[in-house]
């Protein structure tokens, strides 16, 4: 039986622990990470315990739709 080192995912905004644990082989894509401390939800990708934040396009920056 393999014993992996399980670690907490840290909030990219405030740096505190979230309620999500990951193993070294965990892969998350377009994952909505919620932080109970700062009450923010952030879209992330996680590969090999490296987090990258997905910047969501703002509604104000979007181009108008021509219907």
C-alpha atoms as a PDB file:
ATOM      1  CA  UNK A   1       0.000   0.000   0.000  1.00  0.00           C
ATOM      2  CA  UNK A   2       1.396   3.389  -1.022  1.00  0.00           C
ATOM      3  CA  UNK A   3       1.375   6.154   1.549  1.00  0.00           C
ATOM      4  CA  UNK A   4       1.169   9.503  -0.175  1.00  0.00           C
ATOM      5  CA  UNK A   5       1.794  12.752   1.611  1.00  0.00           C
ATOM      6  CA  UNK A   6      -1.585  14.453   1.628  1.00  0.00           C
ATOM      7  CA  UNK A   7      -1.485  18.258   1.834  1.00  0.00           C
ATOM      8  CA  UNK A   8      -4.086  20.982   2.181  1.00  0.00           C
ATOM      9  CA  UNK A   9      -4.765  23.272  -0.757  1.00  0.00           C
ATOM     10  CA  UNK A  10      -4.011  26.842   0.308  1.00  0.00           C
ATOM     11  CA  UNK A  11      -6.201  29.751  -0.736  1.00  0.00           C
ATOM     12  CA  UNK A  12      -4.447  31.793  -3.461  1.00  0.00           C
ATOM     13  CA  UNK A  13      -6.047  34.981  -2.087  1.00  0.00           C
ATOM     14  CA  UNK A  14      -5.413  34.856   1.685  1.00  0.00           C
ATOM     15  CA  UNK A  15      -3.008  31.903   2.010  1.00  0.00           C
ATOM     16  CA  UNK A  16      -5.048  29.985   4.581  1.00  0.00           C
ATOM     17  CA  UNK A  17      -5.996  26.315   4.400  1.00  0.00           C
ATOM     18  CA  UNK A  18      -9.133  25.404   2.499  1.00  0.00           C
ATOM     19  CA  UNK A  19     -11.193  22.278   3.134  1.00  0.00           C
ATOM     20  CA  UNK A  20      -9.609  20.499   0.173  1.00  0.00           C
ATOM     21  CA  UNK A  21      -6.805  17.947   0.531  1.00  0.00           C
ATOM     22  CA  UNK A  22      -4.737  16.640  -2.393  1.00  0.00           C
ATOM     23  CA  UNK A  23      -2.157  13.944  -3.014  1.00  0.00           C
ATOM     24  CA  UNK A  24       0.952  14.480  -5.194  1.00  0.00           C
ATOM     25  CA  UNK A  25      -0.737  12.697  -8.132  1.00  0.00           C
ATOM     26  CA  UNK A  26      -3.963  14.764  -7.937  1.00  0.00           C
ATOM     27  CA  UNK A  27      -4.931  16.780 -11.027  1.00  0.00           C
ATOM     28  CA  UNK A  28      -7.677  19.422 -10.866  1.00  0.00           C
ATOM     29  CA  UNK A  29      -8.840  21.397 -13.897  1.00  0.00           C
ATOM     30  CA  UNK A  30     -11.291  24.290 -13.709  1.00  0.00           C
ATOM     31  CA  UNK A  31     -11.880  23.562 -10.027  1.00  0.00           C
ATOM     32  CA  UNK A  32     -13.945  26.069  -8.011  1.00  0.00           C
ATOM     33  CA  UNK A  33     -11.908  26.375  -4.795  1.00  0.00           C
ATOM     34  CA  UNK A  34     -13.819  27.942  -1.896  1.00  0.00           C
ATOM     35  CA  UNK A  35     -12.012  29.460   1.081  1.00  0.00           C
ATOM     36  CA  UNK A  36     -14.016  29.424   4.344  1.00  0.00           C
ATOM     37  CA  UNK A  37     -11.772  32.128   5.836  1.00  0.00           C
ATOM     38  CA  UNK A  38     -12.045  34.884   3.212  1.00  0.00           C
ATOM     39  CA  UNK A  39     -15.354  33.568   1.750  1.00  0.00           C
ATOM     40  CA  UNK A  40     -14.067  33.793  -1.843  1.00  0.00           C
ATOM     41  CA  UNK A  41     -14.362  31.245  -4.615  1.00  0.00           C
ATOM     42  CA  UNK A  42     -11.480  31.018  -7.082  1.00  0.00           C
ATOM     43  CA  UNK A  43     -11.202  28.912 -10.226  1.00  0.00           C
ATOM     44  CA  UNK A  44      -7.919  26.986 -10.178  1.00  0.00           C
ATOM     45  CA  UNK A  45      -5.932  24.332 -11.991  1.00  0.00           C
ATOM     46  CA  UNK A  46      -3.723  22.076  -9.875  1.00  0.00           C
ATOM     47  CA  UNK A  47      -1.078  19.769 -11.329  1.00  0.00           C
ATOM     48  CA  UNK A  48       1.667  18.149  -9.206  1.00  0.00           C
ATOM     49  CA  UNK A  49       0.577  20.308  -6.238  1.00  0.00           C
ATOM     50  CA  UNK A  50       1.228  23.527  -8.209  1.00  0.00           C
ATOM     51  CA  UNK A  51      -1.752  25.869  -8.276  1.00  0.00           C
ATOM     52  CA  UNK A  52      -2.495  28.244 -11.126  1.00  0.00           C
ATOM     53  CA  UNK A  53      -5.405  30.670 -10.821  1.00  0.00           C
ATOM     54  CA  UNK A  54      -7.784  30.924 -13.762  1.00  0.00           C
ATOM     55  CA  UNK A  55      -8.707  34.527 -14.429  1.00  0.00           C
ATOM     56  CA  UNK A  56     -12.359  34.694 -15.297  1.00  0.00           C
ATOM     57  CA  UNK A  57     -13.384  37.306 -17.845  1.00  0.00           C
ATOM     58  CA  UNK A  58     -15.297  40.193 -16.308  1.00  0.00           C
ATOM     59  CA  UNK A  59     -18.736  40.969 -17.676  1.00  0.00           C
ATOM     60  CA  UNK A  60     -17.730  44.612 -18.159  1.00  0.00           C
ATOM     61  CA  UNK A  61     -14.720  43.677 -20.278  1.00  0.00           C
ATOM     62  CA  UNK A  62     -16.700  41.402 -22.588  1.00  0.00           C
ATOM     63  CA  UNK A  63     -17.398  42.489 -26.138  1.00  0.00           C
ATOM     64  CA  UNK A  64     -21.026  43.255 -26.921  1.00  0.00           C
ATOM     65  CA  UNK A  65     -22.997  40.607 -28.771  1.00  0.00           C
ATOM     66  CA  UNK A  66     -24.330  41.708 -32.165  1.00  0.00           C
ATOM     67  CA  UNK A  67     -27.680  40.016 -32.621  1.00  0.00           C
END
